């Protein structure tokens, strides 16, 4: 294992780090060694009197500072654990390229000499765990004399090289993927993927490259090119996000070009097609005062261009239909966001056996733009977008999360393409192994653009029905799920869980095609869950058997749904 000492005491700029075997000796200058312990408060000095003890919360306000920072990247398997010290796992560790120390160090939100802050250290853990190539991260504290706290940062890698050969079935339709992806190229954190996939809509060849930290910075690059049987997609974004609660600025530029054939569905079958060509460009900048009294306030401004053209589809074998209306919008916009600092670290909620950082605070964002024919748009309109979320409770007992969004264009004083989406999710922790989840979501559309009609089926919440079984501009879905998290850990590769569920939903209102309104549709089912904490995919494999209780006689009486999802 390699150890990297990034620094020593904040008072010492000429310290020497000597690394010998497994040990690290930091030799400070005489001036630093003689630092007066009264430079921080008496309570902090007393707390640090015994090196190696846990740091109390009081140090946040007592003037203690960060000393040396030791970065210890860990491989996939812990060979100190007898259960993982075998030939196969030792070979996996040797083949795998462990994340480089500088990649981890760059994502830390603190440096030597910073005033000690428990919040900054906790957030650094969350930033590291957000990487798909890191299974877990911990920041450990070690007291030193003279109000200095040394920090050890330990991470555990995931297996990131994935020759991909997958098959899934949902809503009576099959999907498959073959290719290769590397989520941590040579330990640099760079994501590269080459993939050939087939699904109900198209076959496609895809190349994707993502680098969240270009040149050891917080600037990131996302590149995607997809050459498909019915068109292509190009998606490029370059910029610096608000990477932490304390970030004070952000900026980005993005480009999107898409050409594909879209379809209208009725009872799970394609009943109409059209060619959809779209382009979007956006450039924006954001400002923030950082984290103040546990709240973050951010502002943004930019310019956006969206162009959607709809044409008759060629040679699809499916009759054409009424085309959506073309749209061309060029507009400046301003935005605002409020974000509460409230996170909860837990396990066995949406993942199995992995550390989860659940957001349990309140956040709100709004964006307002103005398109005008004088600027090149095809209409004068106000463009409004609102999002809000708030959670109550804690992960140890009960949490309730309320989420909502609203988007619309206001043309000639009237709303167009108005979409109101809201949901409530209830989690009840019954024990370490049992979790009950219930959710309700409602979508309300008014004068929706024809390409925005909502679908409901096996791929969108009704697991017992074909995909895109019903459509409309209004949708309601209710579900209940009893989750079970077992201790079974086969080969120390997969955590095993199970679920029993009930889904109830329907669509109604305006449709793009004439359909029979079947009213409320219900299903019940059971499923197996396989969660791999060793893989950078971070997905949970779902194997569900769902029984539809309504619908037409043509659908299967029992639906087998095999899929990979980001959560339980």
Protein backbone atom coordinates (compact mmCIF):
# COMPACT_ATOMS: atom_id res chain seq x y z
CA UNK A 1 0.00 0.00 0.00
CA UNK A 2 1.28 3.49 -0.81
CA UNK A 3 0.91 6.37 1.61
CA UNK A 4 0.97 10.01 0.60
CA UNK A 5 1.58 12.81 3.07
CA UNK A 6 0.32 15.99 1.48
CA UNK A 7 1.39 18.33 4.25
CA UNK A 8 2.26 18.74 7.88
CA UNK A 9 1.29 21.33 10.45
CA UNK A 10 -0.23 24.52 9.08
CA UNK A 11 2.44 26.55 10.85
CA UNK A 12 5.19 24.59 9.18
CA UNK A 13 6.08 25.37 5.57
CA UNK A 14 9.46 23.66 5.65
CA UNK A 15 8.46 20.29 7.16
CA UNK A 16 9.96 17.10 5.82
CA UNK A 17 7.91 13.93 5.34
CA UNK A 18 9.87 10.71 5.67
CA UNK A 19 8.04 7.56 4.53
CA UNK A 20 9.61 4.31 5.69
CA UNK A 21 7.80 1.04 5.06
CA UNK A 22 4.38 1.40 6.65
CA UNK A 23 5.26 4.35 8.83
CA UNK A 24 5.22 8.09 8.27
CA UNK A 25 7.42 10.47 10.24
CA UNK A 26 6.80 14.20 9.92
CA UNK A 27 9.75 16.34 10.99
CA UNK A 28 8.69 19.93 11.68
CA UNK A 29 10.77 23.04 11.97
CA UNK A 30 11.80 24.13 15.43
CA UNK A 31 9.61 27.22 15.18
CA UNK A 32 6.51 25.15 14.52
CA UNK A 33 7.36 22.62 17.23
CA UNK A 34 7.53 25.45 19.73
CA UNK A 35 4.08 26.79 18.84
CA UNK A 36 2.24 28.01 21.94
CA UNK A 37 -0.71 25.72 22.79
CA UNK A 38 -2.70 28.77 23.86
CA UNK A 39 -3.15 29.61 20.16
CA UNK A 40 -6.48 27.79 20.40
CA UNK A 41 -8.93 27.66 23.28
CA UNK A 42 -8.25 25.77 26.47
CA UNK A 43 -11.02 23.21 25.83
CA UNK A 44 -9.56 22.34 22.43
CA UNK A 45 -6.06 22.02 23.86
CA UNK A 46 -7.31 19.67 26.54
CA UNK A 47 -9.21 17.61 23.96
CA UNK A 48 -6.03 17.15 21.94
CA UNK A 49 -3.96 16.24 24.96
CA UNK A 50 -4.33 12.52 24.21
CA UNK A 51 -3.35 11.78 20.59
CA UNK A 52 -5.57 9.32 18.74
CA UNK A 53 -8.76 10.19 20.64
CA UNK A 54 -12.02 11.05 18.88
CA UNK A 55 -12.49 14.73 18.10
CA UNK A 56 -15.49 16.32 19.84
CA UNK A 57 -17.85 18.67 17.98
CA UNK A 58 -16.60 21.56 20.12
CA UNK A 59 -13.45 21.76 18.03
CA UNK A 60 -15.44 23.39 15.24
CA UNK A 61 -15.47 26.61 17.23
CA UNK A 62 -12.24 26.25 19.18
CA UNK A 63 -9.59 27.19 16.66
CA UNK A 64 -8.11 23.78 15.94
CA UNK A 65 -6.56 23.42 12.49
CA UNK A 66 -5.89 20.67 9.97
CA UNK A 67 -2.35 19.30 10.10
CA UNK A 68 -1.03 16.56 7.86
CA UNK A 69 -3.34 14.81 5.39
CA UNK A 70 -2.65 11.16 4.72
CA UNK A 71 -4.36 9.65 1.64
CA UNK A 72 -4.71 5.86 1.66
CA UNK A 73 -6.45 4.49 -1.46
CA UNK A 74 -7.62 0.93 -0.98
CA UNK A 75 -8.16 -1.75 -3.60
CA UNK A 76 -11.35 -3.77 -4.12
CA UNK A 77 -10.86 -6.61 -1.65
CA UNK A 78 -9.51 -6.33 1.88
CA UNK A 79 -6.79 -8.94 2.07
CA UNK A 80 -6.55 -8.43 5.85
CA UNK A 81 -9.99 -10.06 6.01
CA UNK A 82 -9.56 -13.87 5.85
CA UNK A 83 -12.86 -14.15 3.93
CA UNK A 84 -11.41 -12.06 1.12
CA UNK A 85 -7.83 -13.27 1.12
CA UNK A 86 -7.90 -15.96 -1.56
CA UNK A 87 -6.32 -16.49 -4.96
CA UNK A 88 -9.21 -15.02 -6.96
CA UNK A 89 -9.49 -11.82 -4.95
CA UNK A 90 -5.73 -11.33 -4.75
CA UNK A 91 -5.60 -11.62 -8.53
CA UNK A 92 -8.45 -9.12 -8.90
CA UNK A 93 -6.58 -6.62 -6.74
CA UNK A 94 -3.43 -7.05 -8.82
CA UNK A 95 -5.22 -6.64 -12.14
CA UNK A 96 -7.20 -3.64 -10.92
CA UNK A 97 -5.47 -0.24 -11.06
CA UNK A 98 -6.12 1.44 -7.71
CA UNK A 99 -7.33 5.04 -7.80
CA UNK A 100 -4.38 7.41 -7.76
CA UNK A 101 -3.70 9.34 -4.59
CA UNK A 102 -3.78 12.69 -6.37
CA UNK A 103 -7.26 11.93 -7.77
CA UNK A 104 -8.61 11.45 -4.26
CA UNK A 105 -6.65 14.38 -2.82
CA UNK A 106 -7.96 16.74 -5.50
CA UNK A 107 -11.57 16.08 -4.44
CA UNK A 108 -11.00 16.89 -0.78
CA UNK A 109 -12.61 20.15 0.29
CA UNK A 110 -9.89 20.97 2.82
CA UNK A 111 -6.13 21.51 2.76
CA UNK A 112 -3.48 21.76 5.43
CA UNK A 113 -3.81 24.85 7.56
CA UNK A 114 -7.60 25.10 7.23
CA UNK A 115 -9.62 25.66 10.38
CA UNK A 116 -11.09 22.35 11.49
CA UNK A 117 -14.71 21.86 10.34
CA UNK A 118 -16.67 18.64 10.86
CA UNK A 119 -19.09 19.72 8.11
CA UNK A 120 -16.30 20.07 5.54
CA UNK A 121 -14.90 16.65 6.41
CA UNK A 122 -18.31 14.99 6.21
CA UNK A 123 -19.00 16.64 2.87
CA UNK A 124 -15.64 15.47 1.55
CA UNK A 125 -16.69 11.92 2.32
CA UNK A 126 -19.90 12.45 0.33
CA UNK A 127 -18.00 13.96 -2.60
CA UNK A 128 -15.71 10.93 -2.72
CA UNK A 129 -18.55 8.42 -2.42
CA UNK A 130 -20.33 10.11 -5.33
CA UNK A 131 -17.64 8.67 -7.60
CA UNK A 132 -18.75 5.40 -9.12
CA UNK A 133 -15.22 4.04 -8.78
CA UNK A 134 -15.25 4.41 -4.98
CA UNK A 135 -17.26 2.02 -2.82
CA UNK A 136 -16.77 3.89 0.42
CA UNK A 137 -14.71 6.70 1.91
CA UNK A 138 -13.90 7.70 5.45
CA UNK A 139 -12.07 10.63 6.99
CA UNK A 140 -10.37 9.73 10.26
CA UNK A 141 -8.96 12.22 12.77
CA UNK A 142 -5.80 11.92 14.85
CA UNK A 143 -5.12 14.45 17.59
CA UNK A 144 -1.71 16.01 17.79
CA UNK A 145 -0.39 18.51 20.29
CA UNK A 146 -0.74 22.28 19.94
CA UNK A 147 -4.31 22.24 18.58
CA UNK A 148 -3.41 20.44 15.37
CA UNK A 149 -5.52 17.57 13.98
CA UNK A 150 -3.99 15.18 11.47
CA UNK A 151 -6.36 13.59 8.97
CA UNK A 152 -6.33 10.16 7.31
CA UNK A 153 -8.48 9.71 4.20
CA UNK A 154 -9.23 6.07 3.40
CA UNK A 155 -11.11 4.85 0.34
CA UNK A 156 -12.12 1.48 -1.06
CA UNK A 157 -12.28 1.01 -4.82
CA UNK A 158 -14.89 -0.79 -6.87
CA UNK A 159 -14.26 -3.02 -9.89
CA UNK A 160 -14.57 -0.57 -12.76
CA UNK A 161 -13.63 -2.53 -15.89
CA UNK A 162 -16.87 -4.04 -17.16
CA UNK A 163 -17.02 -6.09 -20.33
CA UNK A 164 -20.76 -5.69 -20.74
CA UNK A 165 -23.03 -8.47 -21.89
CA UNK A 166 -26.48 -7.94 -20.45
CA UNK A 167 -30.08 -8.84 -21.11
CA UNK A 168 -33.22 -7.39 -19.58
CA UNK A 169 -36.92 -7.83 -20.04
CA UNK A 170 -39.57 -5.30 -19.06
CA UNK A 171 -43.14 -4.87 -20.19
CA UNK A 172 -42.92 -7.87 -22.50
CA UNK A 173 -39.98 -6.40 -24.45
CA UNK A 174 -36.32 -7.42 -24.48
CA UNK A 175 -33.24 -5.24 -24.34
CA UNK A 176 -29.59 -6.23 -24.62
CA UNK A 177 -26.18 -4.56 -24.41
CA UNK A 178 -22.72 -5.67 -25.44
CA UNK A 179 -19.59 -3.59 -25.03
CA UNK A 180 -17.00 -2.47 -22.52
CA UNK A 181 -16.77 0.35 -20.01
CA UNK A 182 -14.00 1.52 -17.73
CA UNK A 183 -15.10 3.95 -15.02
CA UNK A 184 -11.62 4.64 -13.64
CA UNK A 185 -9.19 4.55 -16.54
CA UNK A 186 -5.71 3.72 -15.17
CA UNK A 187 -6.81 5.03 -11.78
CA UNK A 188 -7.45 8.57 -13.09
CA UNK A 189 -11.23 8.68 -12.50
CA UNK A 190 -11.94 9.03 -16.23
CA UNK A 191 -15.00 7.15 -17.55
CA UNK A 192 -14.83 5.54 -21.02
CA UNK A 193 -17.54 3.38 -22.59
CA UNK A 194 -18.07 1.73 -25.99
CA UNK A 195 -21.42 0.01 -26.30
CA UNK A 196 -23.74 -1.67 -28.76
CA UNK A 197 -27.33 -1.88 -27.53
CA UNK A 198 -30.71 -2.97 -28.80
CA UNK A 199 -34.12 -2.17 -27.36
CA UNK A 200 -37.69 -1.74 -28.45
CA UNK A 201 -36.90 1.63 -30.09
CA UNK A 202 -33.55 1.19 -31.85
CA UNK A 203 -30.11 -0.37 -32.19
CA UNK A 204 -27.23 1.92 -31.42
CA UNK A 205 -23.44 2.18 -31.18
CA UNK A 206 -22.27 4.52 -28.47
CA UNK A 207 -19.05 6.14 -27.29
CA UNK A 208 -19.03 8.00 -24.00
CA UNK A 209 -16.21 9.82 -22.17
CA UNK A 210 -16.60 11.62 -18.83
CA UNK A 211 -13.87 13.37 -16.85
CA UNK A 212 -15.14 15.17 -13.75
CA UNK A 213 -11.77 16.69 -12.91
CA UNK A 214 -9.94 17.89 -16.00
CA UNK A 215 -6.28 18.50 -15.35
CA UNK A 216 -6.63 18.12 -11.59
CA UNK A 217 -9.32 20.83 -11.49
CA UNK A 218 -13.06 20.99 -10.80
CA UNK A 219 -13.77 21.54 -14.49
CA UNK A 220 -15.50 18.55 -16.04
CA UNK A 221 -16.10 17.22 -19.54
CA UNK A 222 -18.89 15.00 -20.78
CA UNK A 223 -18.84 13.64 -24.35
CA UNK A 224 -21.38 11.26 -25.89
CA UNK A 225 -21.85 10.17 -29.48
CA UNK A 226 -24.50 7.64 -30.43
CA UNK A 227 -24.92 6.32 -33.98
CA UNK A 228 -28.25 4.49 -34.09
CA UNK A 229 -30.41 2.67 -36.60
CA UNK A 230 -32.79 5.64 -36.81
CA UNK A 231 -30.46 8.61 -36.37
CA UNK A 232 -27.75 9.92 -34.07
CA UNK A 233 -27.09 11.76 -30.82
CA UNK A 234 -24.22 14.09 -29.92
CA UNK A 235 -24.01 15.48 -26.39
CA UNK A 236 -21.09 17.60 -25.13
CA UNK A 237 -20.82 19.60 -21.92
CA UNK A 238 -17.84 21.45 -20.46
CA UNK A 239 -17.87 23.41 -17.24
CA UNK A 240 -17.32 23.80 -13.55
CA UNK A 241 -20.31 22.90 -11.34
CA UNK A 242 -21.18 23.93 -7.81
CA UNK A 243 -19.13 20.99 -6.60
CA UNK A 244 -19.67 21.67 -2.88
CA UNK A 245 -21.98 23.56 -0.57
CA UNK A 246 -19.30 26.19 -0.13
CA UNK A 247 -18.68 26.69 -3.87
CA UNK A 248 -19.01 30.34 -4.86
CA UNK A 249 -19.11 30.12 -8.66
CA UNK A 250 -19.98 27.80 -11.52
CA UNK A 251 -20.10 28.01 -15.31
CA UNK A 252 -20.72 25.67 -18.22
CA UNK A 253 -21.40 25.41 -21.91
CA UNK A 254 -23.34 22.55 -23.51
CA UNK A 255 -24.25 21.30 -26.98
CA UNK A 256 -26.88 18.68 -27.88
CA UNK A 257 -27.85 17.37 -31.33
CA UNK A 258 -30.35 14.54 -31.70
CA UNK A 259 -32.07 12.87 -34.65
CA UNK A 260 -34.31 9.86 -34.00
CA UNK A 261 -37.67 8.24 -34.70
CA UNK A 262 -40.16 8.54 -31.85
CA UNK A 263 -43.30 6.49 -31.47
CA UNK A 264 -46.82 6.72 -30.10
CA UNK A 265 -48.01 3.67 -28.14
CA UNK A 266 -51.43 2.19 -27.46
CA UNK A 267 -51.83 -0.86 -25.19
CA UNK A 268 -48.13 -1.57 -25.56
CA UNK A 269 -48.09 -1.50 -29.39
CA UNK A 270 -46.68 1.17 -31.70
CA UNK A 271 -49.53 2.97 -33.48
CA UNK A 272 -47.71 5.98 -34.92
CA UNK A 273 -44.20 7.26 -35.64
CA UNK A 274 -42.49 10.52 -36.52
CA UNK A 275 -38.93 11.77 -36.95
CA UNK A 276 -37.75 14.12 -34.22
CA UNK A 277 -34.76 16.39 -34.90
CA UNK A 278 -33.63 18.57 -32.02
CA UNK A 279 -30.74 20.88 -31.19
CA UNK A 280 -29.96 22.62 -27.93
CA UNK A 281 -27.16 24.95 -26.88
CA UNK A 282 -26.69 26.59 -23.51
CA UNK A 283 -24.12 28.75 -21.75
CA UNK A 284 -24.50 29.91 -18.17
CA UNK A 285 -22.71 31.21 -15.10
CA UNK A 286 -23.61 30.86 -11.43
CA UNK A 287 -22.78 32.75 -8.22
CA UNK A 288 -23.19 31.86 -4.58
CA UNK A 289 -22.39 33.16 -1.12
CA UNK A 290 -21.56 29.59 -0.08
CA UNK A 291 -22.87 27.91 3.06
CA UNK A 292 -24.30 30.42 5.55
CA UNK A 293 -26.25 29.28 8.63
CA UNK A 294 -26.79 25.82 7.11
CA UNK A 295 -28.29 27.26 3.89
CA UNK A 296 -26.86 27.76 0.41
CA UNK A 297 -28.17 30.45 -1.94
CA UNK A 298 -27.20 30.36 -5.60
CA UNK A 299 -27.99 32.56 -8.58
CA UNK A 300 -27.44 31.91 -12.28
CA UNK A 301 -27.84 33.60 -15.64
CA UNK A 302 -27.31 32.43 -19.19
CA UNK A 303 -28.56 32.01 -22.75
CA UNK A 304 -30.30 28.95 -24.18
CA UNK A 305 -31.39 27.78 -27.62
CA UNK A 306 -33.84 24.92 -28.29
CA UNK A 307 -34.99 23.81 -31.72
CA UNK A 308 -37.40 20.89 -32.28
CA UNK A 309 -38.42 19.85 -35.80
CA UNK A 310 -40.90 17.04 -36.52
CA UNK A 311 -41.08 15.19 -39.83
CA UNK A 312 -42.87 12.15 -41.21
CA UNK A 313 -40.90 8.96 -40.48
CA UNK A 314 -39.58 7.05 -43.45
CA UNK A 315 -40.03 3.30 -44.01
CA UNK A 316 -40.84 2.29 -40.44
CA UNK A 317 -43.67 -0.04 -41.41
CA UNK A 318 -45.95 1.85 -39.02
CA UNK A 319 -48.55 4.35 -40.21
CA UNK A 320 -47.66 7.97 -39.68
CA UNK A 321 -49.72 10.22 -37.45
CA UNK A 322 -50.38 13.86 -36.69
CA UNK A 323 -47.02 15.52 -36.11
CA UNK A 324 -46.17 17.62 -33.05
CA UNK A 325 -45.77 21.31 -33.73
CA UNK A 326 -42.25 22.61 -34.47
CA UNK A 327 -40.65 24.81 -31.80
CA UNK A 328 -37.71 27.19 -32.00
CA UNK A 329 -36.79 29.10 -28.85
CA UNK A 330 -33.81 31.38 -28.18
CA UNK A 331 -33.85 33.11 -24.82
CA UNK A 332 -31.83 34.57 -21.95
CA UNK A 333 -32.66 33.25 -18.49
CA UNK A 334 -32.02 33.83 -14.80
CA UNK A 335 -32.25 31.31 -11.98
CA UNK A 336 -32.11 31.00 -8.21
CA UNK A 337 -31.66 28.07 -5.81
CA UNK A 338 -31.95 27.58 -2.04
CA UNK A 339 -30.44 24.44 -0.53
CA UNK A 340 -30.43 23.29 3.09
CA UNK A 341 -27.43 21.44 4.49
CA UNK A 342 -29.08 18.29 5.82
CA UNK A 343 -27.77 14.83 4.92
CA UNK A 344 -28.05 11.43 6.53
CA UNK A 345 -25.52 8.60 6.19
CA UNK A 346 -27.18 5.19 6.31
CA UNK A 347 -27.43 1.76 4.68
CA UNK A 348 -30.12 -0.52 3.22
CA UNK A 349 -32.53 1.99 1.78
CA UNK A 350 -32.12 2.23 -1.97
CA UNK A 351 -28.95 0.13 -2.08
CA UNK A 352 -27.99 -3.12 -0.38
CA UNK A 353 -24.98 -3.17 1.91
CA UNK A 354 -23.55 0.14 0.67
CA UNK A 355 -23.16 3.46 2.43
CA UNK A 356 -25.87 5.85 1.22
CA UNK A 357 -25.92 9.62 1.56
CA UNK A 358 -29.61 10.52 1.75
CA UNK A 359 -30.65 14.14 1.33
CA UNK A 360 -33.22 14.99 4.01
CA UNK A 361 -33.31 18.77 3.73
CA UNK A 362 -35.32 21.35 1.83
CA UNK A 363 -34.38 22.75 -1.54
CA UNK A 364 -36.04 25.03 -4.05
CA UNK A 365 -34.98 26.26 -7.49
CA UNK A 366 -36.57 28.50 -10.10
CA UNK A 367 -35.62 29.55 -13.62
CA UNK A 368 -37.25 32.18 -15.80
CA UNK A 369 -36.49 32.88 -19.45
CA UNK A 370 -37.92 35.09 -22.18
CA UNK A 371 -38.00 34.15 -25.87
CA UNK A 372 -38.81 36.77 -28.49
CA UNK A 373 -39.20 36.78 -32.25
CA UNK A 374 -36.74 39.67 -32.38
CA UNK A 375 -34.08 37.29 -31.04
CA UNK A 376 -34.79 34.58 -33.61
CA UNK A 377 -37.48 32.58 -31.79
CA UNK A 378 -40.65 31.51 -33.57
CA UNK A 379 -42.80 32.94 -30.75
CA UNK A 380 -42.86 35.36 -27.84
CA UNK A 381 -43.06 33.44 -24.57
CA UNK A 382 -42.05 33.33 -20.93
CA UNK A 383 -40.43 30.03 -19.96
CA UNK A 384 -40.79 29.05 -16.31
CA UNK A 385 -39.34 26.13 -14.38
CA UNK A 386 -39.79 25.43 -10.64
CA UNK A 387 -38.54 22.56 -8.48
CA UNK A 388 -38.97 21.91 -4.75
CA UNK A 389 -38.25 19.11 -2.30
CA UNK A 390 -38.53 18.72 1.45
CA UNK A 391 -38.03 15.77 3.79
CA UNK A 392 -39.09 15.11 7.35
CA UNK A 393 -37.79 12.57 9.88
CA UNK A 394 -34.61 10.53 9.90
CA UNK A 395 -33.39 7.25 8.43
CA UNK A 396 -33.45 5.44 11.76
CA UNK A 397 -37.24 5.52 11.97
CA UNK A 398 -39.53 7.26 9.48
CA UNK A 399 -38.98 9.71 6.64
CA UNK A 400 -41.47 11.47 4.40
CA UNK A 401 -40.22 13.20 1.25
CA UNK A 402 -42.36 15.60 -0.78
CA UNK A 403 -41.13 16.47 -4.27
CA UNK A 404 -42.61 18.63 -7.00
CA UNK A 405 -41.82 20.41 -10.24
CA UNK A 406 -43.57 22.76 -12.65
CA UNK A 407 -42.55 23.73 -16.20
CA UNK A 408 -44.51 25.78 -18.70
CA UNK A 409 -44.43 28.37 -21.48
CA UNK A 410 -46.70 31.38 -21.23
CA UNK A 411 -47.75 32.54 -24.70
CA UNK A 412 -50.19 35.43 -25.21
CA UNK A 413 -50.99 35.30 -21.52
CA UNK A 414 -51.94 31.60 -21.58
CA UNK A 415 -49.96 28.60 -20.34
CA UNK A 416 -48.75 26.09 -22.93
CA UNK A 417 -47.01 22.75 -22.36
CA UNK A 418 -47.71 23.03 -18.65
CA UNK A 419 -46.39 20.01 -16.72
CA UNK A 420 -46.96 19.70 -12.98
CA UNK A 421 -45.33 16.66 -11.40
CA UNK A 422 -45.54 15.84 -7.68
CA UNK A 423 -44.77 12.89 -5.45
CA UNK A 424 -44.77 11.79 -1.82
CA UNK A 425 -42.58 8.94 -0.58
CA UNK A 426 -42.86 7.30 2.83
CA UNK A 427 -40.08 5.16 4.34
CA UNK A 428 -40.60 3.25 7.57
CA UNK A 429 -37.61 1.48 9.11
CA UNK A 430 -39.06 -1.61 10.81
CA UNK A 431 -35.74 -3.22 11.73
CA UNK A 432 -32.22 -3.56 10.43
CA UNK A 433 -33.45 -5.95 7.73
CA UNK A 434 -36.98 -4.72 6.99
CA UNK A 435 -38.05 -1.48 5.33
CA UNK A 436 -41.54 -0.48 4.21
CA UNK A 437 -41.85 2.00 1.34
CA UNK A 438 -45.00 3.63 -0.03
CA UNK A 439 -45.24 6.26 -2.71
CA UNK A 440 -47.75 8.31 -4.63
CA UNK A 441 -47.08 10.43 -7.71
CA UNK A 442 -49.39 12.57 -9.80
CA UNK A 443 -48.69 14.25 -13.13
CA UNK A 444 -50.96 16.98 -14.49
CA UNK A 445 -50.51 18.28 -18.01
CA UNK A 446 -52.27 21.15 -19.73
CA UNK A 447 -51.96 21.92 -23.44
CA UNK A 448 -48.96 19.63 -23.62
CA UNK A 449 -46.83 19.51 -26.74
CA UNK A 450 -47.69 16.26 -28.53
CA UNK A 451 -44.20 14.84 -27.95
CA UNK A 452 -44.61 15.27 -24.18
CA UNK A 453 -47.61 12.99 -23.63
CA UNK A 454 -47.04 10.71 -20.62
CA UNK A 455 -46.82 6.91 -20.84
CA UNK A 456 -47.53 4.37 -18.12
CA UNK A 457 -46.58 0.70 -18.20
CA UNK A 458 -44.04 -1.94 -17.30
CA UNK A 459 -41.08 0.43 -17.67
CA UNK A 460 -42.64 3.36 -15.77
CA UNK A 461 -44.05 1.88 -12.58
CA UNK A 462 -46.76 -0.66 -13.51
CA UNK A 463 -44.60 -3.76 -13.39
CA UNK A 464 -47.39 -6.17 -14.38
CA UNK A 465 -48.13 -4.58 -17.76
CA UNK A 466 -46.47 -4.12 -21.17
CA UNK A 467 -44.34 -1.03 -21.50
CA UNK A 468 -46.11 2.20 -22.52
CA UNK A 469 -49.45 0.50 -22.03
CA UNK A 470 -51.50 3.67 -21.52
CA UNK A 471 -50.89 7.33 -22.33
CA UNK A 472 -52.41 10.69 -21.56
CA UNK A 473 -51.66 14.18 -20.29
CA UNK A 474 -52.53 13.17 -16.72
CA UNK A 475 -51.16 10.28 -14.71
CA UNK A 476 -51.41 8.87 -11.20
CA UNK A 477 -49.37 6.04 -9.70
CA UNK A 478 -49.44 4.52 -6.23
CA UNK A 479 -47.16 1.78 -4.97
CA UNK A 480 -46.33 -0.10 -1.78
CA UNK A 481 -43.26 -2.22 -1.32
CA UNK A 482 -42.03 -4.34 1.56
CA UNK A 483 -38.25 -4.65 1.33
CA UNK A 484 -36.09 -7.28 2.96
CA UNK A 485 -32.30 -7.01 3.26
CA UNK A 486 -30.64 -10.32 4.03
CA UNK A 487 -27.16 -11.02 5.37
CA UNK A 488 -26.49 -13.40 2.50
CA UNK A 489 -23.36 -12.26 0.68
CA UNK A 490 -22.56 -14.94 -1.94
CA UNK A 491 -18.83 -15.06 -2.75
CA UNK A 492 -18.67 -11.63 -1.09
CA UNK A 493 -19.77 -10.18 -4.43
CA UNK A 494 -23.56 -9.71 -4.19
CA UNK A 495 -25.81 -8.64 -1.36
CA UNK A 496 -29.20 -10.34 -1.64
CA UNK A 497 -32.56 -8.76 -0.93
CA UNK A 498 -36.21 -9.32 -1.76
CA UNK A 499 -39.41 -7.35 -2.20
CA UNK A 500 -43.17 -7.79 -2.35
CA UNK A 501 -45.07 -5.01 -4.09
CA UNK A 502 -48.41 -3.60 -5.22
CA UNK A 503 -48.81 -1.02 -8.02
CA UNK A 504 -51.94 0.94 -8.91
CA UNK A 505 -52.05 3.54 -11.66
CA UNK A 506 -53.82 5.11 -14.58
CA UNK A 507 -53.61 7.80 -17.25
CA UNK A 508 -56.40 9.97 -18.62
CA UNK A 509 -57.07 13.16 -20.53
CA UNK A 510 -55.61 14.24 -23.89
CA UNK A 511 -53.83 11.57 -25.93
CA UNK A 512 -51.76 11.70 -29.08
CA UNK A 513 -53.62 8.69 -30.44
CA UNK A 514 -57.11 7.32 -29.92
CA UNK A 515 -57.06 4.78 -27.10
CA UNK A 516 -59.47 2.91 -24.92
CA UNK A 517 -59.40 4.26 -21.38
CA UNK A 518 -59.03 1.19 -19.16
CA UNK A 519 -59.26 3.18 -15.93
CA UNK A 520 -57.28 2.07 -12.93
CA UNK A 521 -54.77 -0.73 -13.52
CA UNK A 522 -53.39 -2.85 -10.68
CA UNK A 523 -50.70 -5.48 -10.23
CA UNK A 524 -49.06 -7.45 -7.43
CA UNK A 525 -45.74 -9.22 -7.41
CA UNK A 526 -42.58 -10.41 -5.71
CA UNK A 527 -38.97 -9.90 -6.66
CA UNK A 528 -35.36 -10.76 -5.96
CA UNK A 529 -32.73 -8.02 -5.60
CA UNK A 530 -28.99 -8.45 -6.15
CA UNK A 531 -26.81 -5.51 -5.20
CA UNK A 532 -23.09 -5.54 -5.93
CA UNK A 533 -20.97 -3.31 -3.75
CA UNK A 534 -17.84 -4.44 -5.61
CA UNK A 535 -18.91 -3.04 -8.97
CA UNK A 536 -18.68 0.58 -10.02
CA UNK A 537 -22.00 0.18 -11.82
CA UNK A 538 -23.73 0.69 -8.49
CA UNK A 539 -26.84 -0.94 -9.87
CA UNK A 540 -29.33 -3.31 -8.31
CA UNK A 541 -30.43 -6.28 -10.42
CA UNK A 542 -34.22 -6.71 -10.33
CA UNK A 543 -35.86 -10.08 -11.06
CA UNK A 544 -39.61 -9.60 -10.64
CA UNK A 545 -42.68 -11.71 -11.21
CA UNK A 546 -45.72 -9.44 -11.54
CA UNK A 547 -49.37 -10.41 -11.87
CA UNK A 548 -51.62 -7.92 -13.71
CA UNK A 549 -55.10 -7.68 -12.20
CA UNK A 550 -56.69 -5.66 -15.02
CA UNK A 551 -56.06 -4.83 -18.67
CA UNK A 552 -57.06 -6.63 -21.83
CA UNK A 553 -57.02 -10.38 -22.41
CA UNK A 554 -54.11 -10.11 -24.85
CA UNK A 555 -51.45 -9.39 -22.23
CA UNK A 556 -49.56 -12.16 -20.44
CA UNK A 557 -51.14 -13.31 -17.20
CA UNK A 558 -47.70 -13.22 -15.54
CA UNK A 559 -44.98 -10.72 -16.41
CA UNK A 560 -41.30 -11.53 -15.93
CA UNK A 561 -39.35 -8.31 -15.45
CA UNK A 562 -35.54 -8.49 -15.45
CA UNK A 563 -33.72 -5.18 -15.27
CA UNK A 564 -30.91 -3.23 -13.65
CA UNK A 565 -31.80 -0.05 -11.81
CA UNK A 566 -29.98 2.49 -9.72
CA UNK A 567 -31.97 1.62 -6.62
CA UNK A 568 -33.89 -1.15 -4.85
